[in-house]
Amino acid sequence: MARAGLRRLSVTWCFGGICLAFPWPCDTLHSQIARSATARKNSPVDRVFEVVNYRFCEFELDTDCYELRKQGRSIGLARRPFDVLLCLIERRSRVVLRRELVDVVWQGCCVSDATLSHCILELRRILSDDADRPRFLRTVRGRGYRFVAPLTMAPFSTVASAAQEAGAGAAVATGVQADEL
């Protein structure tokens, strides 16, 4: 029985064509949205003003195009592993706790440890990294992960982006501005 004065909302989840509706107390939903908003303020995804390309070894993480490239070629990387990698890179000066990764990347959703472990495993596979001798992702047992590769950052340039779209990628790569072409 619902408490007096408590409104209820129906929440629907759909999986493979099967939809399930559950009654959900509004005050609980609002508190989850507030927690999610708090987690999102630290999210690598929502900070549009900090668009940066990160370069490490033969890889480049392009936060504007939302892609990982190896030697200039795009590598198919799912959204969550991309966000995990971005979170680790942005916090590379310290160990990122597993709970913090889940809060930032999944923004308050209930996620098992296996889900995060699967993302780390996928990243290691794509980066050709070894857990025993890590070049990129070091596991701190019982705590979390740390990005350990040397890294260079290149701020995103709208001039460079426009030049690349216009087919002047070679000029941008050599440092020539688009208006000098």
N, C-alpha and C. Protein backbone atom coordinates (compact mmCIF):
# COMPACT_ATOMS: atom_id res chain seq x y z
N MET A 1 0.84 -1.18 0.00
CA MET A 1 0.00 0.00 0.00
C MET A 1 0.88 1.24 0.00
N ALA A 2 0.54 2.21 -0.80
CA ALA A 2 1.32 3.44 -0.91
C ALA A 2 1.06 4.33 0.29
N ARG A 3 2.10 5.05 0.71
CA ARG A 3 1.96 6.00 1.81
C ARG A 3 1.07 7.14 1.36
N ALA A 4 0.40 7.75 2.32
CA ALA A 4 -0.48 8.88 2.01
C ALA A 4 0.35 10.02 1.44
N GLY A 5 -0.12 10.61 0.37
CA GLY A 5 0.56 11.76 -0.22
C GLY A 5 1.71 11.40 -1.14
N LEU A 6 2.04 10.14 -1.28
CA LEU A 6 3.16 9.72 -2.13
C LEU A 6 2.62 9.35 -3.51
N ARG A 7 3.03 10.09 -4.52
CA ARG A 7 2.60 9.78 -5.88
C ARG A 7 3.41 8.61 -6.41
N ARG A 8 2.81 7.85 -7.30
CA ARG A 8 3.53 6.73 -7.88
C ARG A 8 3.63 6.95 -9.38
N LEU A 9 4.71 6.43 -9.94
CA LEU A 9 5.00 6.56 -11.35
C LEU A 9 5.28 5.17 -11.88
N SER A 10 4.90 4.91 -13.08
CA SER A 10 5.18 3.62 -13.68
C SER A 10 6.47 3.73 -14.50
N VAL A 11 7.42 2.87 -14.22
CA VAL A 11 8.69 2.85 -14.94
C VAL A 11 8.70 1.61 -15.81
N THR A 12 9.06 1.77 -17.08
CA THR A 12 9.03 0.66 -18.02
C THR A 12 10.43 0.36 -18.53
N TRP A 13 10.82 -0.91 -18.49
CA TRP A 13 12.08 -1.37 -19.06
C TRP A 13 11.75 -2.33 -20.20
N CYS A 14 12.43 -2.17 -21.31
CA CYS A 14 12.21 -3.04 -22.46
C CYS A 14 13.50 -3.78 -22.79
N PHE A 15 13.42 -5.08 -22.96
CA PHE A 15 14.56 -5.92 -23.31
C PHE A 15 14.14 -6.84 -24.44
N GLY A 16 14.73 -6.67 -25.60
CA GLY A 16 14.48 -7.56 -26.72
C GLY A 16 13.01 -7.71 -27.08
N GLY A 17 12.26 -6.63 -27.06
CA GLY A 17 10.86 -6.68 -27.44
C GLY A 17 9.92 -6.98 -26.30
N ILE A 18 10.42 -7.34 -25.11
CA ILE A 18 9.58 -7.61 -23.95
C ILE A 18 9.66 -6.39 -23.04
N CYS A 19 8.51 -5.80 -22.74
CA CYS A 19 8.48 -4.61 -21.89
C CYS A 19 7.83 -4.94 -20.55
N LEU A 20 8.45 -4.48 -19.49
CA LEU A 20 7.93 -4.69 -18.14
C LEU A 20 7.69 -3.34 -17.50
N ALA A 21 6.52 -3.15 -16.88
CA ALA A 21 6.19 -1.90 -16.20
C ALA A 21 6.17 -2.15 -14.70
N PHE A 22 6.80 -1.25 -13.95
CA PHE A 22 6.86 -1.38 -12.50
C PHE A 22 6.39 -0.08 -11.87
N PRO A 23 5.60 -0.17 -10.79
CA PRO A 23 5.27 1.06 -10.08
C PRO A 23 6.52 1.56 -9.36
N TRP A 24 6.70 2.87 -9.34
CA TRP A 24 7.91 3.44 -8.76
C TRP A 24 7.53 4.68 -7.97
N PRO A 25 7.89 4.76 -6.69
CA PRO A 25 7.56 5.96 -5.92
C PRO A 25 8.30 7.17 -6.48
N CYS A 26 7.60 8.28 -6.65
CA CYS A 26 8.19 9.48 -7.25
C CYS A 26 9.32 10.04 -6.42
N ASP A 27 9.19 10.00 -5.08
CA ASP A 27 10.26 10.60 -4.28
C ASP A 27 11.55 9.80 -4.44
N THR A 28 11.46 8.48 -4.62
CA THR A 28 12.64 7.66 -4.85
C THR A 28 13.25 8.00 -6.20
N LEU A 29 12.41 8.15 -7.23
CA LEU A 29 12.91 8.48 -8.56
C LEU A 29 13.61 9.83 -8.56
N HIS A 30 13.01 10.82 -7.88
CA HIS A 30 13.62 12.14 -7.83
C HIS A 30 14.96 12.12 -7.12
N SER A 31 15.08 11.31 -6.05
CA SER A 31 16.37 11.24 -5.35
C SER A 31 17.41 10.55 -6.23
N GLN A 32 16.99 9.56 -7.04
CA GLN A 32 17.93 8.92 -7.95
C GLN A 32 18.36 9.88 -9.05
N ILE A 33 17.44 10.71 -9.54
CA ILE A 33 17.80 11.69 -10.56
C ILE A 33 18.78 12.70 -9.98
N ALA A 34 18.56 13.12 -8.73
CA ALA A 34 19.47 14.07 -8.09
C ALA A 34 20.85 13.45 -7.91
N ARG A 35 20.91 12.16 -7.49
CA ARG A 35 22.21 11.49 -7.36
C ARG A 35 22.88 11.37 -8.71
N SER A 36 22.08 11.07 -9.74
CA SER A 36 22.63 10.94 -11.09
C SER A 36 23.19 12.27 -11.57
N ALA A 37 22.50 13.37 -11.27
CA ALA A 37 22.99 14.69 -11.67
C ALA A 37 24.28 15.02 -10.95
N THR A 38 24.39 14.63 -9.68
CA THR A 38 25.62 14.86 -8.93
C THR A 38 26.76 14.06 -9.53
N ALA A 39 26.50 12.82 -9.92
CA ALA A 39 27.54 11.99 -10.53
C ALA A 39 27.93 12.54 -11.89
N ARG A 40 26.94 13.10 -12.64
CA ARG A 40 27.23 13.61 -13.97
C ARG A 40 28.11 14.84 -13.97
N LYS A 41 28.12 15.61 -12.88
CA LYS A 41 28.94 16.82 -12.92
C LYS A 41 30.42 16.48 -13.05
N ASN A 42 30.81 15.25 -12.70
CA ASN A 42 32.19 14.82 -12.87
C ASN A 42 32.36 13.92 -14.09
N SER A 43 31.31 13.78 -14.87
CA SER A 43 31.34 12.86 -16.00
C SER A 43 32.20 13.40 -17.13
N PRO A 44 33.04 12.54 -17.71
CA PRO A 44 33.82 12.98 -18.86
C PRO A 44 32.95 13.29 -20.06
N VAL A 45 31.75 12.73 -20.09
CA VAL A 45 30.89 12.90 -21.24
C VAL A 45 30.24 14.28 -21.27
N ASP A 46 29.88 14.83 -20.12
CA ASP A 46 29.10 16.06 -20.06
C ASP A 46 29.94 17.33 -20.07
N ARG A 47 31.24 17.24 -20.10
CA ARG A 47 32.06 18.42 -20.07
C ARG A 47 32.48 18.79 -21.48
N VAL A 48 31.57 19.38 -22.24
CA VAL A 48 31.79 19.70 -23.65
C VAL A 48 32.87 20.74 -23.82
N PHE A 49 33.00 21.65 -22.85
CA PHE A 49 33.96 22.74 -22.97
C PHE A 49 35.40 22.28 -22.84
N GLU A 50 35.64 21.06 -22.42
CA GLU A 50 37.00 20.57 -22.27
C GLU A 50 37.34 19.55 -23.34
N VAL A 51 37.14 19.87 -24.59
CA VAL A 51 37.41 18.94 -25.67
C VAL A 51 38.91 18.92 -25.93
N VAL A 52 39.50 17.76 -25.73
CA VAL A 52 40.95 17.60 -25.85
C VAL A 52 41.23 16.27 -26.55
N ASN A 53 42.29 16.25 -27.34
CA ASN A 53 42.77 14.99 -27.89
C ASN A 53 43.93 14.53 -27.04
N TYR A 54 43.88 13.30 -26.58
CA TYR A 54 44.96 12.72 -25.78
C TYR A 54 45.74 11.77 -26.67
N ARG A 55 47.06 11.88 -26.66
CA ARG A 55 47.92 10.99 -27.43
C ARG A 55 48.82 10.22 -26.49
N PHE A 56 48.86 8.89 -26.70
CA PHE A 56 49.74 8.02 -25.92
C PHE A 56 50.18 6.88 -26.82
N CYS A 57 51.49 6.67 -26.86
CA CYS A 57 52.10 5.69 -27.77
C CYS A 57 51.54 5.89 -29.17
N GLU A 58 50.99 4.84 -29.77
CA GLU A 58 50.47 4.95 -31.13
C GLU A 58 48.97 5.26 -31.16
N PHE A 59 48.41 5.61 -30.01
CA PHE A 59 46.97 5.85 -29.89
C PHE A 59 46.65 7.33 -29.72
N GLU A 60 45.44 7.69 -30.17
CA GLU A 60 44.92 9.03 -29.95
C GLU A 60 43.46 8.89 -29.54
N LEU A 61 43.10 9.49 -28.42
CA LEU A 61 41.73 9.50 -27.94
C LEU A 61 41.13 10.85 -28.28
N ASP A 62 40.21 10.86 -29.22
CA ASP A 62 39.60 12.09 -29.70
C ASP A 62 38.27 12.27 -28.98
N THR A 63 38.22 13.24 -28.05
CA THR A 63 37.02 13.44 -27.25
C THR A 63 35.94 14.19 -28.01
N ASP A 64 36.28 14.85 -29.11
CA ASP A 64 35.27 15.54 -29.91
C ASP A 64 34.53 14.54 -30.80
N CYS A 65 35.26 13.70 -31.49
CA CYS A 65 34.65 12.69 -32.38
C CYS A 65 34.24 11.44 -31.62
N TYR A 66 34.63 11.36 -30.34
CA TYR A 66 34.30 10.23 -29.50
C TYR A 66 34.83 8.92 -30.10
N GLU A 67 36.13 8.95 -30.45
CA GLU A 67 36.72 7.74 -31.02
C GLU A 67 38.17 7.59 -30.57
N LEU A 68 38.62 6.34 -30.61
CA LEU A 68 40.00 6.00 -30.34
C LEU A 68 40.63 5.62 -31.67
N ARG A 69 41.81 6.18 -31.93
CA ARG A 69 42.51 5.88 -33.17
C ARG A 69 43.88 5.27 -32.86
N LYS A 70 44.26 4.31 -33.69
CA LYS A 70 45.59 3.72 -33.60
C LYS A 70 46.28 4.03 -34.92
N GLN A 71 47.37 4.76 -34.82
CA GLN A 71 48.13 5.20 -36.00
C GLN A 71 47.22 5.84 -37.04
N GLY A 72 46.29 6.67 -36.57
CA GLY A 72 45.40 7.41 -37.45
C GLY A 72 44.15 6.69 -37.90
N ARG A 73 44.06 5.38 -37.63
CA ARG A 73 42.88 4.61 -38.06
C ARG A 73 41.94 4.41 -36.88
N SER A 74 40.67 4.66 -37.11
CA SER A 74 39.67 4.55 -36.06
C SER A 74 39.50 3.09 -35.61
N ILE A 75 39.42 2.92 -34.30
CA ILE A 75 39.19 1.61 -33.70
C ILE A 75 37.79 1.62 -33.11
N GLY A 76 37.01 0.61 -33.41
CA GLY A 76 35.66 0.52 -32.86
C GLY A 76 35.72 0.28 -31.36
N LEU A 77 35.26 1.26 -30.60
CA LEU A 77 35.26 1.16 -29.14
C LEU A 77 33.88 1.58 -28.65
N ALA A 78 33.26 0.71 -27.88
CA ALA A 78 31.91 0.98 -27.36
C ALA A 78 31.94 2.18 -26.42
N ARG A 79 30.77 2.71 -26.14
CA ARG A 79 30.65 3.93 -25.34
C ARG A 79 31.23 3.78 -23.94
N ARG A 80 30.86 2.74 -23.22
CA ARG A 80 31.30 2.60 -21.82
C ARG A 80 32.82 2.40 -21.71
N PRO A 81 33.43 1.51 -22.49
CA PRO A 81 34.89 1.42 -22.42
C PRO A 81 35.57 2.74 -22.78
N PHE A 82 35.02 3.48 -23.75
CA PHE A 82 35.56 4.80 -24.08
C PHE A 82 35.50 5.71 -22.87
N ASP A 83 34.34 5.74 -22.19
CA ASP A 83 34.19 6.59 -21.02
C ASP A 83 35.11 6.16 -19.88
N VAL A 84 35.30 4.86 -19.70
CA VAL A 84 36.22 4.36 -18.67
C VAL A 84 37.64 4.83 -18.98
N LEU A 85 38.06 4.68 -20.23
CA LEU A 85 39.40 5.12 -20.62
C LEU A 85 39.56 6.63 -20.42
N LEU A 86 38.57 7.39 -20.82
CA LEU A 86 38.64 8.84 -20.66
C LEU A 86 38.71 9.23 -19.18
N CYS A 87 37.92 8.58 -18.36
CA CYS A 87 37.94 8.85 -16.92
C CYS A 87 39.31 8.54 -16.33
N LEU A 88 39.90 7.42 -16.72
CA LEU A 88 41.23 7.05 -16.20
C LEU A 88 42.29 8.03 -16.69
N ILE A 89 42.20 8.47 -17.93
CA ILE A 89 43.18 9.41 -18.47
C ILE A 89 43.06 10.76 -17.75
N GLU A 90 41.83 11.23 -17.55
CA GLU A 90 41.65 12.52 -16.89
C GLU A 90 42.10 12.51 -15.44
N ARG A 91 42.13 11.33 -14.82
CA ARG A 91 42.55 11.21 -13.42
C ARG A 91 43.85 10.42 -13.31
N ARG A 92 44.70 10.56 -14.31
CA ARG A 92 45.91 9.73 -14.41
C ARG A 92 46.90 9.95 -13.29
N SER A 93 46.81 11.03 -12.54
CA SER A 93 47.76 11.31 -11.48
C SER A 93 47.51 10.48 -10.23
N ARG A 94 46.43 9.71 -10.22
CA ARG A 94 46.10 8.93 -9.02
C ARG A 94 45.37 7.65 -9.39
N VAL A 95 45.18 6.80 -8.40
CA VAL A 95 44.40 5.58 -8.57
C VAL A 95 42.92 5.97 -8.54
N VAL A 96 42.18 5.50 -9.53
CA VAL A 96 40.74 5.75 -9.60
C VAL A 96 40.05 4.53 -9.00
N LEU A 97 39.30 4.76 -7.94
CA LEU A 97 38.61 3.67 -7.28
C LEU A 97 37.52 3.10 -8.18
N ARG A 98 37.27 1.80 -8.02
CA ARG A 98 36.25 1.14 -8.83
C ARG A 98 34.89 1.83 -8.67
N ARG A 99 34.55 2.19 -7.44
CA ARG A 99 33.27 2.85 -7.17
C ARG A 99 33.18 4.19 -7.90
N GLU A 100 34.28 4.93 -7.92
CA GLU A 100 34.30 6.22 -8.63
C GLU A 100 34.10 6.02 -10.13
N LEU A 101 34.74 5.01 -10.69
CA LEU A 101 34.55 4.72 -12.12
C LEU A 101 33.09 4.41 -12.43
N VAL A 102 32.48 3.59 -11.59
CA VAL A 102 31.07 3.24 -11.79
C VAL A 102 30.20 4.49 -11.66
N ASP A 103 30.46 5.33 -10.66
CA ASP A 103 29.65 6.54 -10.47
C ASP A 103 29.78 7.50 -11.64
N VAL A 104 30.99 7.67 -12.16
CA VAL A 104 31.21 8.63 -13.24
C VAL A 104 30.72 8.09 -14.57
N VAL A 105 31.05 6.85 -14.88
CA VAL A 105 30.73 6.31 -16.20
C VAL A 105 29.27 5.87 -16.30
N TRP A 106 28.76 5.21 -15.28
CA TRP A 106 27.38 4.72 -15.33
C TRP A 106 26.42 5.67 -14.64
N GLN A 107 26.89 6.75 -14.10
CA GLN A 107 26.11 7.84 -13.55
C GLN A 107 25.00 7.38 -12.60
N GLY A 108 25.38 6.62 -11.60
CA GLY A 108 24.43 6.24 -10.56
C GLY A 108 23.64 4.98 -10.82
N CYS A 109 23.80 4.36 -11.98
CA CYS A 109 23.09 3.11 -12.26
C CYS A 109 23.72 1.98 -11.46
N CYS A 110 22.93 0.97 -11.17
CA CYS A 110 23.44 -0.19 -10.46
C CYS A 110 24.21 -1.06 -11.45
N VAL A 111 25.51 -1.24 -11.20
CA VAL A 111 26.36 -1.99 -12.11
C VAL A 111 27.20 -2.96 -11.29
N SER A 112 27.33 -4.17 -11.77
CA SER A 112 28.13 -5.16 -11.04
C SER A 112 29.62 -4.94 -11.31
N ASP A 113 30.45 -5.51 -10.45
CA ASP A 113 31.90 -5.43 -10.64
C ASP A 113 32.32 -6.10 -11.94
N ALA A 114 31.56 -7.13 -12.34
CA ALA A 114 31.89 -7.84 -13.58
C ALA A 114 31.76 -6.94 -14.80
N THR A 115 30.82 -6.00 -14.77
CA THR A 115 30.63 -5.08 -15.89
C THR A 115 31.84 -4.19 -16.07
N LEU A 116 32.33 -3.63 -14.96
CA LEU A 116 33.53 -2.80 -15.03
C LEU A 116 34.74 -3.64 -15.44
N SER A 117 34.87 -4.82 -14.88
CA SER A 117 35.98 -5.71 -15.26
C SER A 117 35.95 -6.04 -16.74
N HIS A 118 34.75 -6.22 -17.29
CA HIS A 118 34.62 -6.51 -18.72
C HIS A 118 35.09 -5.32 -19.55
N CYS A 119 34.75 -4.10 -19.12
CA CYS A 119 35.22 -2.89 -19.84
C CYS A 119 36.74 -2.80 -19.81
N ILE A 120 37.34 -3.06 -18.65
CA ILE A 120 38.80 -3.01 -18.53
C ILE A 120 39.43 -4.09 -19.40
N LEU A 121 38.83 -5.28 -19.43
CA LEU A 121 39.33 -6.37 -20.27
C LEU A 121 39.26 -5.99 -21.75
N GLU A 122 38.16 -5.36 -22.15
CA GLU A 122 38.01 -4.93 -23.55
C GLU A 122 39.05 -3.85 -23.89
N LEU A 123 39.26 -2.91 -22.98
CA LEU A 123 40.28 -1.88 -23.21
C LEU A 123 41.67 -2.49 -23.35
N ARG A 124 41.98 -3.44 -22.49
CA ARG A 124 43.30 -4.09 -22.57
C ARG A 124 43.46 -4.84 -23.88
N ARG A 125 42.40 -5.46 -24.34
CA ARG A 125 42.46 -6.18 -25.61
C ARG A 125 42.70 -5.19 -26.75
N ILE A 126 41.96 -4.11 -26.79
CA ILE A 126 42.10 -3.13 -27.86
C ILE A 126 43.45 -2.43 -27.82
N LEU A 127 43.94 -2.13 -26.62
CA LEU A 127 45.22 -1.44 -26.46
C LEU A 127 46.41 -2.41 -26.50
N SER A 128 46.16 -3.71 -26.62
CA SER A 128 47.20 -4.74 -26.56
C SER A 128 48.02 -4.59 -25.28
N ASP A 129 47.31 -4.42 -24.18
CA ASP A 129 47.94 -4.24 -22.88
C ASP A 129 47.90 -5.55 -22.11
N ASP A 130 48.88 -5.75 -21.25
CA ASP A 130 48.99 -6.96 -20.46
C ASP A 130 48.80 -6.59 -18.99
N ALA A 131 47.91 -7.29 -18.29
CA ALA A 131 47.66 -7.00 -16.88
C ALA A 131 48.90 -7.27 -16.02
N ASP A 132 49.72 -8.24 -16.41
CA ASP A 132 50.92 -8.56 -15.63
C ASP A 132 52.03 -7.53 -15.84
N ARG A 133 52.15 -7.02 -17.06
CA ARG A 133 53.14 -5.97 -17.38
C ARG A 133 52.43 -4.83 -18.10
N PRO A 134 51.69 -4.01 -17.34
CA PRO A 134 50.85 -2.99 -17.99
C PRO A 134 51.64 -1.85 -18.60
N ARG A 135 51.25 -1.48 -19.82
CA ARG A 135 51.80 -0.28 -20.47
C ARG A 135 50.84 0.89 -20.31
N PHE A 136 49.54 0.59 -20.16
CA PHE A 136 48.52 1.63 -20.12
C PHE A 136 47.69 1.60 -18.84
N LEU A 137 47.10 0.45 -18.53
CA LEU A 137 46.16 0.35 -17.41
C LEU A 137 46.73 -0.55 -16.31
N ARG A 138 47.04 0.05 -15.19
CA ARG A 138 47.57 -0.72 -14.05
C ARG A 138 46.45 -0.97 -13.06
N THR A 139 46.32 -2.22 -12.65
CA THR A 139 45.34 -2.60 -11.64
C THR A 139 45.97 -2.46 -10.27
N VAL A 140 45.30 -1.76 -9.37
CA VAL A 140 45.72 -1.68 -7.98
C VAL A 140 44.75 -2.59 -7.24
N ARG A 141 45.23 -3.78 -6.92
CA ARG A 141 44.37 -4.84 -6.41
C ARG A 141 43.54 -4.38 -5.20
N GLY A 142 42.25 -4.64 -5.30
CA GLY A 142 41.34 -4.31 -4.22
C GLY A 142 40.96 -2.83 -4.16
N ARG A 143 41.49 -2.00 -5.04
CA ARG A 143 41.21 -0.56 -5.01
C ARG A 143 40.59 -0.06 -6.32
N GLY A 144 41.38 -0.14 -7.39
CA GLY A 144 40.90 0.40 -8.65
C GLY A 144 41.94 0.30 -9.75
N TYR A 145 42.00 1.34 -10.59
CA TYR A 145 42.87 1.32 -11.76
C TYR A 145 43.57 2.68 -11.90
N ARG A 146 44.66 2.65 -12.66
CA ARG A 146 45.39 3.88 -12.94
C ARG A 146 45.93 3.83 -14.36
N PHE A 147 45.82 4.95 -15.07
CA PHE A 147 46.41 5.07 -16.40
C PHE A 147 47.87 5.45 -16.21
N VAL A 148 48.80 4.67 -16.78
CA VAL A 148 50.23 4.86 -16.48
C VAL A 148 51.09 5.22 -17.68
N ALA A 149 50.54 5.30 -18.86
CA ALA A 149 51.35 5.60 -20.06
C ALA A 149 51.67 7.09 -20.13
N PRO A 150 52.84 7.43 -20.71
CA PRO A 150 53.12 8.85 -20.96
C PRO A 150 52.08 9.40 -21.93
N LEU A 151 51.72 10.65 -21.73
CA LEU A 151 50.57 11.20 -22.44
C LEU A 151 50.87 12.63 -22.88
N THR A 152 50.40 12.97 -24.07
CA THR A 152 50.44 14.36 -24.51
C THR A 152 49.01 14.79 -24.81
N MET A 153 48.74 16.07 -24.59
CA MET A 153 47.39 16.58 -24.82
C MET A 153 47.47 17.64 -25.90
N ALA A 154 46.47 17.64 -26.77
CA ALA A 154 46.36 18.67 -27.79
C ALA A 154 44.95 19.23 -27.70
N PRO A 155 44.81 20.51 -27.34
CA PRO A 155 43.47 21.08 -27.27
C PRO A 155 42.80 21.02 -28.63
N PHE A 156 41.53 20.78 -28.63
CA PHE A 156 40.77 20.71 -29.87
C PHE A 156 40.69 22.09 -30.48
N SER A 157 40.89 22.16 -31.78
CA SER A 157 40.84 23.42 -32.48
C SER A 157 39.73 23.37 -33.52
N THR A 158 38.80 24.31 -33.45
CA THR A 158 37.72 24.31 -34.44
C THR A 158 38.26 24.62 -35.83
N VAL A 159 39.37 25.38 -35.90
CA VAL A 159 40.01 25.66 -37.20
C VAL A 159 40.55 24.36 -37.78
N ALA A 160 41.22 23.58 -36.94
CA ALA A 160 41.77 22.30 -37.41
C ALA A 160 40.66 21.36 -37.84
N SER A 161 39.56 21.35 -37.09
CA SER A 161 38.44 20.48 -37.44
C SER A 161 37.83 20.88 -38.78
N ALA A 162 37.65 22.17 -38.99
CA ALA A 162 37.07 22.64 -40.25
C ALA A 162 38.00 22.33 -41.42
N ALA A 163 39.30 22.47 -41.19
CA ALA A 163 40.26 22.18 -42.26
C ALA A 163 40.25 20.69 -42.61
N GLN A 164 40.13 19.84 -41.60
CA GLN A 164 40.10 18.40 -41.86
C GLN A 164 38.85 18.03 -42.64
N GLU A 165 37.71 18.65 -42.29
CA GLU A 165 36.47 18.37 -43.01
C GLU A 165 36.56 18.83 -44.45
N ALA A 166 37.35 19.88 -44.69
CA ALA A 166 37.49 20.42 -46.05
C ALA A 166 38.55 19.66 -46.85
N GLY A 167 39.18 18.66 -46.22
CA GLY A 167 40.18 17.86 -46.93
C GLY A 167 41.58 18.42 -46.82
N ALA A 168 41.83 19.30 -45.88
CA ALA A 168 43.16 19.88 -45.72
C ALA A 168 43.85 19.28 -44.50
N GLY A 169 43.62 18.01 -44.25
CA GLY A 169 44.20 17.35 -43.08
C GLY A 169 45.71 17.39 -43.05
N ALA A 170 46.37 17.31 -44.20
CA ALA A 170 47.84 17.32 -44.23
C ALA A 170 48.37 18.67 -43.78
N ALA A 171 47.70 19.74 -44.15
CA ALA A 171 48.14 21.08 -43.73
C ALA A 171 48.00 21.24 -42.23
N VAL A 172 46.94 20.72 -41.65
CA VAL A 172 46.73 20.82 -40.22
C VAL A 172 47.78 20.00 -39.48
N ALA A 173 48.09 18.82 -40.02
CA ALA A 173 49.07 17.95 -39.36
C ALA A 173 50.44 18.60 -39.29
N THR A 174 50.78 19.45 -40.25
CA THR A 174 52.08 20.10 -40.22
C THR A 174 52.06 21.40 -39.46
N GLY A 175 50.90 21.80 -38.93
CA GLY A 175 50.81 22.99 -38.12
C GLY A 175 50.43 24.23 -38.90
N VAL A 176 50.11 24.13 -40.14
CA VAL A 176 49.71 25.29 -40.95
C VAL A 176 48.24 25.57 -40.64
N GLN A 177 47.91 26.82 -40.36
CA GLN A 177 46.53 27.20 -40.09
C GLN A 177 45.71 27.19 -41.38
N ALA A 178 44.42 26.97 -41.25
CA ALA A 178 43.56 26.86 -42.41
C ALA A 178 43.52 28.14 -43.23
N ASP A 179 43.63 29.32 -42.58
CA ASP A 179 43.56 30.57 -43.32
C ASP A 179 44.84 30.86 -44.11
N GLU A 180 45.90 30.07 -43.88
CA GLU A 180 47.15 30.25 -44.63
C GLU A 180 47.18 29.44 -45.91
N LEU A 181 46.17 28.63 -46.14
CA LEU A 181 46.15 27.76 -47.31
C LEU A 181 45.83 28.50 -48.57
